[in-house]
Amino acid sequence: MDDIVCISPIDGRELVRRKPATDAAIAAALDAGRKAQAAWAAVPLADRVAAVLKFMEAMLAMNKEIVPELARQMGRPVRYGGEFGGFEERVRYMAGIAEDSLKPLLPSNPKEGFRRFIARDPLGIVLVIAPWNYPYLTAVNTIAPALMAGNAVLLKHASQTILVGDRFQQAMDKAGIPAGLFQNLNLTHEQTSKLLGSGAVDHVNFTGSVSGGKSIEHAAAGTFTTMGLELGGKDPAYVRADAKFDHAVANLVDGAFYNSGQCCCGIERIYVHDSLYDRFVEAFAATTRGYVLGNPMDEATTLGPMAHRRFADVVRTQTAEALAKGAKALIDIKAFAANDDSTAYLAPQVLTGVDHKMSVMMDESFGPVVGIMKVKDDEEAIRLMNDSPYGLTASIWTADVDAAERIGHLVETGTVFMNRCDYLDPALAWTGVKDTGRGAALSPIGFEMLTRPKSFHLRQAI
């Protein structure tokens, strides 16, 4: 069986190599997890929450080492300080709502002589298959509430960020999480499929590609394993005529190019009202030219390499196709000395003259390229935003809250933003429509995804 290898995008050299878990180790992990979960479910909720908060504190204490470690694995510049601001916000929020979210539900029509309620029981063993782009944030979305709800967790992290799984395990151990309750496993794709097909886990949460999500469903077919899937995206932005111009430009540039565009809810296509279009395009391109592409370990770098050369090649192919079909590139990539087609270093690009016959406007790019189109009104913008197989987030840039809500109801998406983008509010359900996936994370609904209802209908003896 091939080793699991992480190649650093900084220099193309091998960073980490791991042996996959043996069949015996996987079987032992399942057995230990099942036993630990049974005991954990009997622990009072307040104590489970306190233990998860201790885990969070242990993880935060490692931030100084984790930030450069993460840059070496997937290329995010160290100047941005890692992911633990959002990490802490999400864990603390879910801890704060755990009691209300997990308490029994009482019918609205009490009946004398009966005790009736719906309990929220843990599912059992939850398998988290985490991605490399936000390896801490995406994983903790499920791991923290799953443990609070009384489940055991197995983590299978992406090969590109294999060290992140180690960090989760270290923090859990330091926090005194019971042995077997949380286990980090180094698994190949084949081993993961076999595990899902065995029916030995009760729920799987996967963040990744549409093809990956289909593979997860195929592997688990017939087991009735529940699942949460956050898959592809092509998140749009609509800039209305009444938008606060400078605010929209600054935030949309950041939304398109932060983390080299490798954000689940990053901006990949922009529709601008024709009254602002020329001015917007000029300002957007000018701001983009200010990025510094380079080694992510350098504090001056604002745009690091993509996580792997093959990801950069996808964006290069999309851009080349668009240009061949008549699109115009507004950024001179030669001005970015680090840009190199033989590496993962890719300059940001802004395209005009694009349409929905081009891959760059229809297929997920997940990189530093964005297409901008002119629209005449809300109706045209809504039609174009919905002309996509995906639906994770959509952002509307306007001074009119009522208009944003009205448009939002018509856009096929999981989250509607107004005057912001590329953010996850833990008080709201993180979910998607169409090929973006199924299920939801965070908010009280996130706890519902990680528990099962159990009804109690107790009649007093007569």
Protein backbone atom coordinates (compact mmCIF):
# COMPACT_ATOMS: atom_id res chain seq x y z
CA MET A 1 0.00 0.00 0.00
CA ASP A 2 1.39 3.40 -1.00
CA ASP A 3 2.51 5.83 1.68
CA ILE A 4 0.54 9.03 2.34
CA VAL A 5 2.77 11.92 1.24
CA CYS A 6 2.53 15.70 1.61
CA ILE A 7 4.50 17.72 -0.98
CA SER A 8 5.07 21.30 0.13
CA PRO A 9 3.87 23.84 -2.45
CA ILE A 10 6.62 26.20 -1.35
CA ASP A 11 9.43 24.28 -3.04
CA GLY A 12 7.88 21.05 -4.36
CA ARG A 13 9.76 18.94 -1.84
CA GLU A 14 8.41 16.13 0.30
CA LEU A 15 7.38 17.46 3.69
CA VAL A 16 5.73 14.49 5.40
CA ARG A 17 5.38 10.77 4.69
CA ARG A 18 3.14 8.43 6.65
CA LYS A 19 2.26 4.76 6.53
CA PRO A 20 -1.48 4.13 6.25
CA ALA A 21 -3.15 2.52 9.24
CA THR A 22 -3.22 -1.25 9.17
CA ASP A 23 -6.49 -3.18 9.03
CA ALA A 24 -5.86 -4.26 12.62
CA ALA A 25 -5.36 -0.64 13.73
CA ILE A 26 -8.60 0.43 12.04
CA ALA A 27 -10.51 -2.42 13.68
CA ALA A 28 -9.02 -1.53 17.06
CA ALA A 29 -9.96 2.14 16.59
CA LEU A 30 -13.56 1.21 15.85
CA ASP A 31 -13.74 -1.04 18.89
CA ALA A 32 -12.17 1.56 21.16
CA GLY A 33 -14.42 4.27 19.76
CA ARG A 34 -17.58 2.25 20.31
CA LYS A 35 -16.65 1.49 23.92
CA ALA A 36 -15.56 5.07 24.68
CA GLN A 37 -18.72 6.50 23.13
CA ALA A 38 -21.00 4.39 25.31
CA ALA A 39 -19.32 5.74 28.44
CA TRP A 40 -19.10 9.30 27.09
CA ALA A 41 -22.83 9.48 26.34
CA ALA A 42 -23.47 8.94 30.06
CA VAL A 43 -21.26 11.90 31.04
CA PRO A 44 -23.30 15.03 31.91
CA LEU A 45 -23.55 17.49 29.01
CA ALA A 46 -21.90 20.28 31.01
CA ASP A 47 -18.84 18.09 31.56
CA ARG A 48 -18.67 17.12 27.89
CA VAL A 49 -18.81 20.78 26.88
CA ALA A 50 -16.11 21.69 29.41
CA ALA A 51 -13.85 18.96 28.01
CA VAL A 52 -14.27 20.26 24.46
CA LEU A 53 -13.43 23.78 25.61
CA LYS A 54 -10.25 22.41 27.21
CA PHE A 55 -9.39 20.82 23.88
CA MET A 56 -9.92 24.20 22.22
CA GLU A 57 -7.57 25.92 24.68
CA ALA A 58 -4.94 23.25 24.10
CA MET A 59 -5.18 23.80 20.35
CA LEU A 60 -4.97 27.59 20.66
CA ALA A 61 -1.81 27.24 22.73
CA MET A 62 -0.08 25.65 19.72
CA ASN A 63 -0.85 28.49 17.30
CA LYS A 64 2.70 29.85 17.15
CA GLU A 65 3.99 26.54 15.82
CA ILE A 66 0.94 25.74 13.72
CA VAL A 67 0.92 28.90 11.55
CA PRO A 68 4.30 28.25 9.82
CA GLU A 69 3.60 24.51 9.79
CA LEU A 70 0.38 25.17 7.90
CA ALA A 71 2.15 27.47 5.45
CA ARG A 72 4.61 24.71 4.64
CA GLN A 73 1.77 22.24 4.04
CA MET A 74 -0.68 24.25 1.95
CA GLY A 75 0.85 27.65 1.25
CA ARG A 76 -1.19 30.22 3.19
CA PRO A 77 0.99 33.24 4.09
CA VAL A 78 2.06 33.41 7.72
CA ARG A 79 1.14 37.09 7.89
CA TYR A 80 -2.54 36.09 8.20
CA GLY A 81 -1.97 34.20 11.44
CA GLY A 82 -3.75 30.92 10.79
CA GLU A 83 -7.35 29.93 11.47
CA PHE A 84 -7.81 30.06 15.20
CA GLY A 85 -9.91 33.25 15.38
CA GLY A 86 -12.76 31.51 13.60
CA PHE A 87 -11.88 28.21 15.28
CA GLU A 88 -12.40 29.67 18.74
CA GLU A 89 -15.53 31.57 17.71
CA ARG A 90 -17.19 28.42 16.40
CA VAL A 91 -16.29 26.19 19.35
CA ARG A 92 -17.38 28.76 21.92
CA TYR A 93 -20.64 29.43 20.12
CA MET A 94 -21.57 25.76 19.85
CA ALA A 95 -20.62 25.27 23.50
CA GLY A 96 -22.89 28.16 24.44
CA ILE A 97 -25.94 26.76 22.68
CA ALA A 98 -25.38 23.08 23.47
CA GLU A 99 -27.73 22.92 26.45
CA ASP A 100 -30.67 24.52 24.65
CA SER A 101 -30.01 22.67 21.40
CA LEU A 102 -29.77 19.23 23.00
CA LYS A 103 -32.50 19.47 25.63
CA PRO A 104 -35.64 17.37 25.12
CA LEU A 105 -38.36 18.78 22.89
CA LEU A 106 -41.77 18.97 24.55
CA PRO A 107 -45.06 18.79 22.63
CA SER A 108 -47.07 22.02 22.62
CA ASN A 109 -50.18 20.18 23.84
CA PRO A 110 -49.52 18.63 27.27
CA LYS A 111 -51.75 15.68 28.19
CA GLU A 112 -52.65 14.85 31.75
CA GLY A 113 -51.37 11.48 32.82
CA PHE A 114 -48.64 11.36 30.18
CA ARG A 115 -45.00 12.35 29.99
CA ARG A 116 -44.05 12.95 26.34
CA PHE A 117 -40.84 14.32 24.93
CA ILE A 118 -38.28 13.88 22.16
CA ALA A 119 -34.72 13.23 23.32
CA ARG A 120 -31.65 13.91 21.18
CA ASP A 121 -29.48 10.80 21.30
CA PRO A 122 -25.93 10.71 19.91
CA LEU A 123 -25.46 8.88 16.63
CA GLY A 124 -22.46 6.84 17.78
CA ILE A 125 -19.25 7.06 15.76
CA VAL A 126 -18.81 10.07 13.50
CA LEU A 127 -16.20 9.96 10.73
CA VAL A 128 -14.86 13.36 9.67
CA ILE A 129 -13.09 13.49 6.29
CA ALA A 130 -11.46 16.90 6.30
CA PRO A 131 -10.02 19.02 3.45
CA TRP A 132 -6.74 20.89 3.18
CA ASN A 133 -7.91 24.43 2.36
CA TYR A 134 -9.12 25.34 5.88
CA PRO A 135 -8.00 22.20 7.66
CA TYR A 136 -8.74 23.34 11.21
CA LEU A 137 -11.95 25.27 10.65
CA THR A 138 -13.69 22.71 8.45
CA ALA A 139 -12.82 19.84 10.76
CA VAL A 140 -13.85 21.54 14.00
CA ASN A 141 -17.27 22.42 12.55
CA THR A 142 -18.22 18.79 13.07
CA ILE A 143 -15.72 17.51 15.64
CA ALA A 144 -16.61 19.92 18.46
CA PRO A 145 -20.42 19.60 18.32
CA ALA A 146 -20.18 15.85 17.69
CA LEU A 147 -18.26 15.36 20.92
CA MET A 148 -20.52 17.71 22.87
CA ALA A 149 -23.53 15.74 21.64
CA GLY A 150 -22.05 12.50 23.01
CA ASN A 151 -20.50 10.94 19.93
CA ALA A 152 -17.07 9.42 19.33
CA VAL A 153 -15.08 10.86 16.40
CA LEU A 154 -12.65 9.42 13.89
CA LEU A 155 -10.68 11.97 11.84
CA LYS A 156 -9.26 11.25 8.41
CA HIS A 157 -7.41 14.35 7.25
CA ALA A 158 -6.29 15.25 3.73
CA SER A 159 -2.80 14.12 2.75
CA GLN A 160 -1.87 17.74 1.96
CA THR A 161 -2.46 18.70 5.60
CA ILE A 162 -1.67 15.41 7.30
CA LEU A 163 0.01 17.15 10.26
CA VAL A 164 -3.29 18.82 11.18
CA GLY A 165 -4.68 15.46 12.26
CA ASP A 166 -1.69 15.07 14.57
CA ARG A 167 -2.39 18.46 16.11
CA PHE A 168 -6.02 17.57 16.78
CA GLN A 169 -4.91 14.38 18.51
CA GLN A 170 -2.29 16.21 20.57
CA ALA A 171 -4.83 18.79 21.76
CA MET A 172 -7.41 16.11 22.60
CA ASP A 173 -4.86 14.14 24.59
CA LYS A 174 -3.65 17.23 26.41
CA ALA A 175 -7.24 18.13 27.31
CA GLY A 176 -7.79 14.68 28.81
CA ILE A 177 -10.41 13.53 26.31
CA PRO A 178 -11.02 9.83 27.14
CA ALA A 179 -8.91 7.34 25.23
CA GLY A 180 -10.63 6.08 22.10
CA LEU A 181 -13.20 8.88 22.01
CA PHE A 182 -11.27 10.87 19.41
CA GLN A 183 -8.83 9.13 17.08
CA ASN A 184 -6.83 10.49 14.17
CA LEU A 185 -6.34 7.86 11.46
CA ASN A 186 -4.05 8.02 8.43
CA LEU A 187 -6.17 6.41 5.73
CA THR A 188 -5.95 6.05 1.97
CA HIS A 189 -8.98 6.69 -0.23
CA GLU A 190 -9.41 2.95 -0.65
CA GLN A 191 -9.33 2.34 3.09
CA THR A 192 -11.85 5.13 3.65
CA SER A 193 -14.22 3.62 1.09
CA LYS A 194 -13.88 0.20 2.71
CA LEU A 195 -14.58 1.68 6.13
CA LEU A 196 -17.72 3.41 4.86
CA GLY A 197 -18.90 0.28 3.09
CA SER A 198 -18.54 -1.76 6.27
CA GLY A 199 -21.30 0.19 8.00
CA ALA A 200 -19.05 0.50 11.06
CA VAL A 201 -19.52 4.28 11.36
CA ASP A 202 -22.86 5.96 12.02
CA HIS A 203 -22.32 9.30 10.30
CA VAL A 204 -19.79 10.74 7.89
CA ASN A 205 -19.03 14.39 7.26
CA PHE A 206 -17.06 15.18 4.11
CA THR A 207 -15.84 18.48 2.71
CA GLY A 208 -14.36 18.34 -0.77
CA SER A 209 -15.16 17.97 -4.45
CA VAL A 210 -18.42 16.89 -6.05
CA SER A 211 -16.71 13.78 -7.39
CA GLY A 212 -15.44 13.05 -3.88
CA GLY A 213 -18.95 13.41 -2.49
CA LYS A 214 -20.29 10.99 -5.07
CA SER A 215 -17.59 8.52 -4.09
CA ILE A 216 -18.61 8.86 -0.43
CA GLU A 217 -22.27 8.15 -1.27
CA HIS A 218 -21.31 5.23 -3.48
CA ALA A 219 -19.06 3.71 -0.81
CA ALA A 220 -21.72 3.99 1.90
CA ALA A 221 -24.61 2.81 -0.31
CA GLY A 222 -26.82 0.33 1.46
CA THR A 223 -25.41 0.98 4.93
CA PHE A 224 -27.88 3.77 5.77
CA THR A 225 -24.99 5.80 7.17
CA THR A 226 -26.14 9.40 7.49
CA MET A 227 -23.92 12.05 5.96
CA GLY A 228 -23.15 15.71 5.64
CA LEU A 229 -21.53 16.81 2.38
CA GLU A 230 -20.09 20.23 1.56
CA LEU A 231 -18.91 19.96 -2.01
CA GLY A 232 -18.15 22.33 -4.89
CA GLY A 233 -19.02 25.99 -5.24
CA LYS A 234 -19.04 28.85 -7.72
CA ASP A 235 -20.09 31.63 -5.41
CA PRO A 236 -21.42 34.77 -7.09
CA ALA A 237 -21.51 38.42 -6.06
CA TYR A 238 -23.94 41.03 -7.37
CA VAL A 239 -22.96 44.71 -7.12
CA ARG A 240 -26.08 46.87 -7.41
CA ALA A 241 -26.08 50.47 -8.57
CA ASP A 242 -26.51 51.71 -4.98
CA ALA A 243 -23.57 49.73 -3.54
CA LYS A 244 -21.01 51.50 -1.35
CA PHE A 245 -18.36 51.45 -4.04
CA ASP A 246 -15.02 51.41 -2.19
CA HIS A 247 -16.30 48.92 0.38
CA ALA A 248 -17.54 46.57 -2.34
CA VAL A 249 -14.28 46.69 -4.28
CA ALA A 250 -12.01 46.09 -1.29
CA ASN A 251 -14.07 43.25 0.14
CA LEU A 252 -14.69 41.50 -3.16
CA VAL A 253 -11.00 41.54 -4.10
CA ASP A 254 -10.23 39.99 -0.74
CA GLY A 255 -13.11 37.55 -1.14
CA ALA A 256 -11.77 36.42 -4.49
CA PHE A 257 -8.07 36.14 -3.71
CA TYR A 258 -7.65 35.43 0.01
CA ASN A 259 -5.95 32.06 0.53
CA SER A 260 -5.11 32.12 -3.19
CA GLY A 261 -8.80 31.75 -3.93
CA GLN A 262 -8.90 28.37 -2.18
CA CYS A 263 -11.95 29.16 -0.09
CA CYS A 264 -15.16 27.14 -0.04
CA CYS A 265 -17.18 30.35 -0.17
CA GLY A 266 -14.65 32.47 -2.07
CA ILE A 267 -15.94 34.81 -4.78
CA GLU A 268 -15.56 33.19 -8.21
CA ARG A 269 -17.85 35.34 -10.39
CA ILE A 270 -19.07 38.93 -10.10
CA TYR A 271 -22.05 40.64 -11.75
CA VAL A 272 -21.97 44.44 -11.72
CA HIS A 273 -24.74 46.88 -12.61
CA ASP A 274 -23.89 48.60 -15.88
CA SER A 275 -23.87 52.06 -14.24
CA LEU A 276 -20.87 51.02 -12.10
CA TYR A 277 -19.26 48.43 -14.33
CA ASP A 278 -16.37 50.34 -15.97
CA ARG A 279 -15.40 52.10 -12.77
CA PHE A 280 -15.69 48.88 -10.74
CA VAL A 281 -13.55 46.84 -13.13
CA GLU A 282 -10.82 49.48 -13.14
CA ALA A 283 -10.72 49.74 -9.34
CA PHE A 284 -10.90 45.96 -8.87
CA ALA A 285 -7.96 45.34 -11.21
CA ALA A 286 -5.91 48.12 -9.63
CA THR A 287 -6.38 46.65 -6.18
CA THR A 288 -5.50 43.18 -7.43
CA ARG A 289 -2.21 44.43 -8.85
CA GLY A 290 -1.15 45.30 -5.32
CA TYR A 291 -0.88 41.68 -4.22
CA VAL A 292 2.57 40.24 -3.48
CA LEU A 293 2.97 36.67 -4.76
CA GLY A 294 5.76 34.78 -3.05
CA ASN A 295 7.01 32.45 -0.34
CA PRO A 296 4.31 32.25 2.35
CA MET A 297 6.96 32.22 5.08
CA ASP A 298 7.80 35.83 4.15
CA GLU A 299 5.75 38.40 6.10
CA ALA A 300 5.57 40.61 2.99
CA THR A 301 3.76 37.92 0.98
CA THR A 302 0.00 38.44 0.59
CA LEU A 303 -0.57 35.65 -1.94
CA GLY A 304 1.12 32.30 -1.46
CA PRO A 305 1.30 29.35 -3.83
CA MET A 306 -1.72 27.16 -4.39
CA ALA A 307 -1.63 23.96 -2.36
CA HIS A 308 -0.45 21.86 -5.31
CA ARG A 309 0.67 22.45 -8.86
CA ARG A 310 -2.22 20.39 -10.25
CA PHE A 311 -4.69 22.81 -8.63
CA ALA A 312 -2.90 25.75 -10.24
CA ASP A 313 -2.98 23.96 -13.58
CA VAL A 314 -6.79 23.76 -13.41
CA VAL A 315 -6.96 27.53 -13.11
CA ARG A 316 -4.42 28.02 -15.88
CA THR A 317 -6.48 25.80 -18.18
CA GLN A 318 -9.72 27.64 -17.40
CA THR A 319 -8.08 31.01 -17.96
CA ALA A 320 -6.53 29.94 -21.26
CA GLU A 321 -9.87 28.63 -22.50
CA ALA A 322 -11.62 31.89 -21.60
CA LEU A 323 -8.98 33.97 -23.38
CA ALA A 324 -9.25 31.75 -26.46
CA LYS A 325 -13.00 32.41 -26.50
CA GLY A 326 -12.61 36.19 -26.35
CA ALA A 327 -12.18 37.09 -22.68
CA LYS A 328 -9.76 39.87 -21.73
CA ALA A 329 -7.13 39.51 -18.99
CA LEU A 330 -6.70 42.70 -16.96
CA ILE A 331 -3.65 41.58 -14.97
CA ASP A 332 -0.16 41.27 -16.46
CA ILE A 333 1.04 38.10 -14.76
CA LYS A 334 4.63 38.92 -15.81
CA ALA A 335 4.53 41.68 -13.18
CA PHE A 336 4.50 38.90 -10.56
CA ALA A 337 8.04 37.57 -10.53
CA ALA A 338 7.13 34.44 -8.57
CA ASN A 339 4.53 33.32 -11.12
CA ASP A 340 5.82 30.10 -12.68
CA ASP A 341 3.82 27.62 -14.76
CA SER A 342 6.05 24.77 -13.59
CA THR A 343 5.13 25.36 -9.91
CA ALA A 344 2.12 26.03 -7.69
CA TYR A 345 2.83 29.78 -7.75
CA LEU A 346 0.02 31.47 -9.70
CA ALA A 347 -0.58 35.20 -10.13
CA PRO A 348 -4.11 36.53 -9.58
CA GLN A 349 -6.17 37.19 -12.68
CA VAL A 350 -9.25 39.31 -13.44
CA LEU A 351 -11.21 38.53 -16.60
CA THR A 352 -13.77 40.61 -18.48
CA GLY A 353 -15.59 39.78 -21.68
CA VAL A 354 -16.62 36.50 -20.08
CA ASP A 355 -19.89 34.59 -20.41
CA HIS A 356 -21.47 31.39 -19.19
CA LYS A 357 -20.18 29.39 -22.12
CA MET A 358 -16.76 29.55 -20.48
CA SER A 359 -15.57 27.07 -17.85
CA VAL A 360 -14.21 29.88 -15.69
CA MET A 361 -17.78 31.13 -15.13
CA MET A 362 -19.45 27.73 -14.69
CA ASP A 363 -16.99 25.24 -13.20
CA GLU A 364 -15.32 25.54 -9.82
CA SER A 365 -11.93 27.27 -10.11
CA PHE A 366 -10.84 27.22 -6.46
CA GLY A 367 -7.97 29.52 -7.30
CA PRO A 368 -6.99 33.17 -7.85
CA VAL A 369 -9.11 34.00 -10.90
CA VAL A 370 -12.43 35.82 -11.15
CA GLY A 371 -14.67 36.77 -14.06
CA ILE A 372 -16.69 40.00 -14.05
CA MET A 373 -19.86 40.54 -16.13
CA LYS A 374 -22.10 43.55 -16.70
CA VAL A 375 -25.84 43.29 -15.89
CA LYS A 376 -28.69 45.70 -16.54
CA ASP A 377 -30.90 44.93 -13.52
CA ASP A 378 -31.74 42.64 -10.59
CA GLU A 379 -33.61 40.20 -12.80
CA GLU A 380 -30.62 39.57 -15.03
CA ALA A 381 -28.30 39.25 -12.04
CA ILE A 382 -30.58 36.68 -10.37
CA ARG A 383 -30.82 34.65 -13.58
CA LEU A 384 -27.05 34.54 -13.95
CA MET A 385 -26.40 33.78 -10.29
CA ASN A 386 -28.79 30.83 -10.51
CA ASP A 387 -27.24 29.58 -13.76
CA SER A 388 -24.91 27.23 -11.90
CA PRO A 389 -24.87 23.63 -10.68
CA TYR A 390 -23.68 24.91 -7.29
CA GLY A 391 -25.13 26.90 -4.40
CA LEU A 392 -23.13 27.58 -1.24
CA THR A 393 -23.20 31.37 -0.78
CA ALA A 394 -24.16 34.46 -2.74
CA SER A 395 -23.39 38.06 -1.81
CA ILE A 396 -25.40 41.17 -2.66
CA TRP A 397 -23.76 44.58 -2.43
CA THR A 398 -26.34 47.29 -1.88
CA ALA A 399 -27.57 49.99 0.50
CA ASP A 400 -31.09 48.51 0.43
CA VAL A 401 -31.62 45.76 3.02
CA ASP A 402 -35.12 44.98 1.76
CA ALA A 403 -33.81 44.58 -1.79
CA ALA A 404 -31.06 42.25 -0.57
CA GLU A 405 -33.59 40.07 1.25
CA ARG A 406 -35.96 40.04 -1.74
CA ILE A 407 -33.16 39.06 -4.12
CA GLY A 408 -31.81 36.56 -1.62
CA HIS A 409 -35.10 34.66 -1.54
CA LEU A 410 -34.82 34.20 -5.31
CA VAL A 411 -31.19 33.07 -5.40
CA GLU A 412 -30.56 29.32 -5.18
CA THR A 413 -27.96 29.19 -2.43
CA GLY A 414 -27.32 28.04 1.12
CA THR A 415 -26.34 31.46 2.56
CA VAL A 416 -27.17 34.98 1.42
CA PHE A 417 -24.74 37.76 2.37
CA MET A 418 -25.23 41.50 2.11
CA ASN A 419 -22.14 43.72 1.94
CA ARG A 420 -19.82 40.93 3.02
CA CYS A 421 -18.62 37.56 1.77
CA ASP A 422 -16.32 34.64 2.55
CA TYR A 423 -17.39 34.30 6.19
CA LEU A 424 -19.11 31.65 8.25
CA ASP A 425 -21.40 32.74 11.10
CA PRO A 426 -21.67 29.85 13.59
CA ALA A 427 -25.12 31.06 14.65
CA LEU A 428 -26.41 30.26 11.16
CA ALA A 429 -26.64 26.90 9.43
CA TRP A 430 -23.76 26.24 7.02
CA THR A 431 -25.41 24.43 4.16
CA GLY A 432 -25.71 24.29 0.39
CA VAL A 433 -28.06 23.39 -2.43
CA LYS A 434 -27.75 21.56 -5.75
CA ASP A 435 -24.31 19.97 -6.28
CA THR A 436 -22.86 21.86 -3.33
CA GLY A 437 -24.13 19.17 -1.01
CA ARG A 438 -26.52 18.08 1.68
CA GLY A 439 -26.96 18.47 5.42
CA ALA A 440 -25.82 21.39 7.56
CA ALA A 441 -23.16 22.29 10.11
CA LEU A 442 -23.12 24.65 13.10
CA SER A 443 -26.10 26.50 14.64
CA PRO A 444 -28.71 24.43 16.50
CA ILE A 445 -29.33 22.60 13.22
CA GLY A 446 -25.75 21.35 13.33
CA PHE A 447 -26.56 19.51 16.57
CA GLU A 448 -29.64 18.01 14.90
CA MET A 449 -27.40 16.56 12.17
CA LEU A 450 -25.24 14.84 14.82
CA THR A 451 -28.04 13.33 16.91
CA ARG A 452 -31.12 11.19 16.33
CA PRO A 453 -34.58 11.86 17.73
CA LYS A 454 -35.87 9.39 20.29
CA SER A 455 -39.50 9.76 21.32
CA PHE A 456 -40.76 8.98 24.83
CA HIS A 457 -44.50 8.37 25.31
CA LEU A 458 -44.94 7.49 28.98
CA ARG A 459 -48.39 6.79 30.33
CA GLN A 460 -49.04 6.66 34.04
CA ALA A 461 -50.66 3.46 35.29
CA ILE A 462 -54.39 3.76 35.88
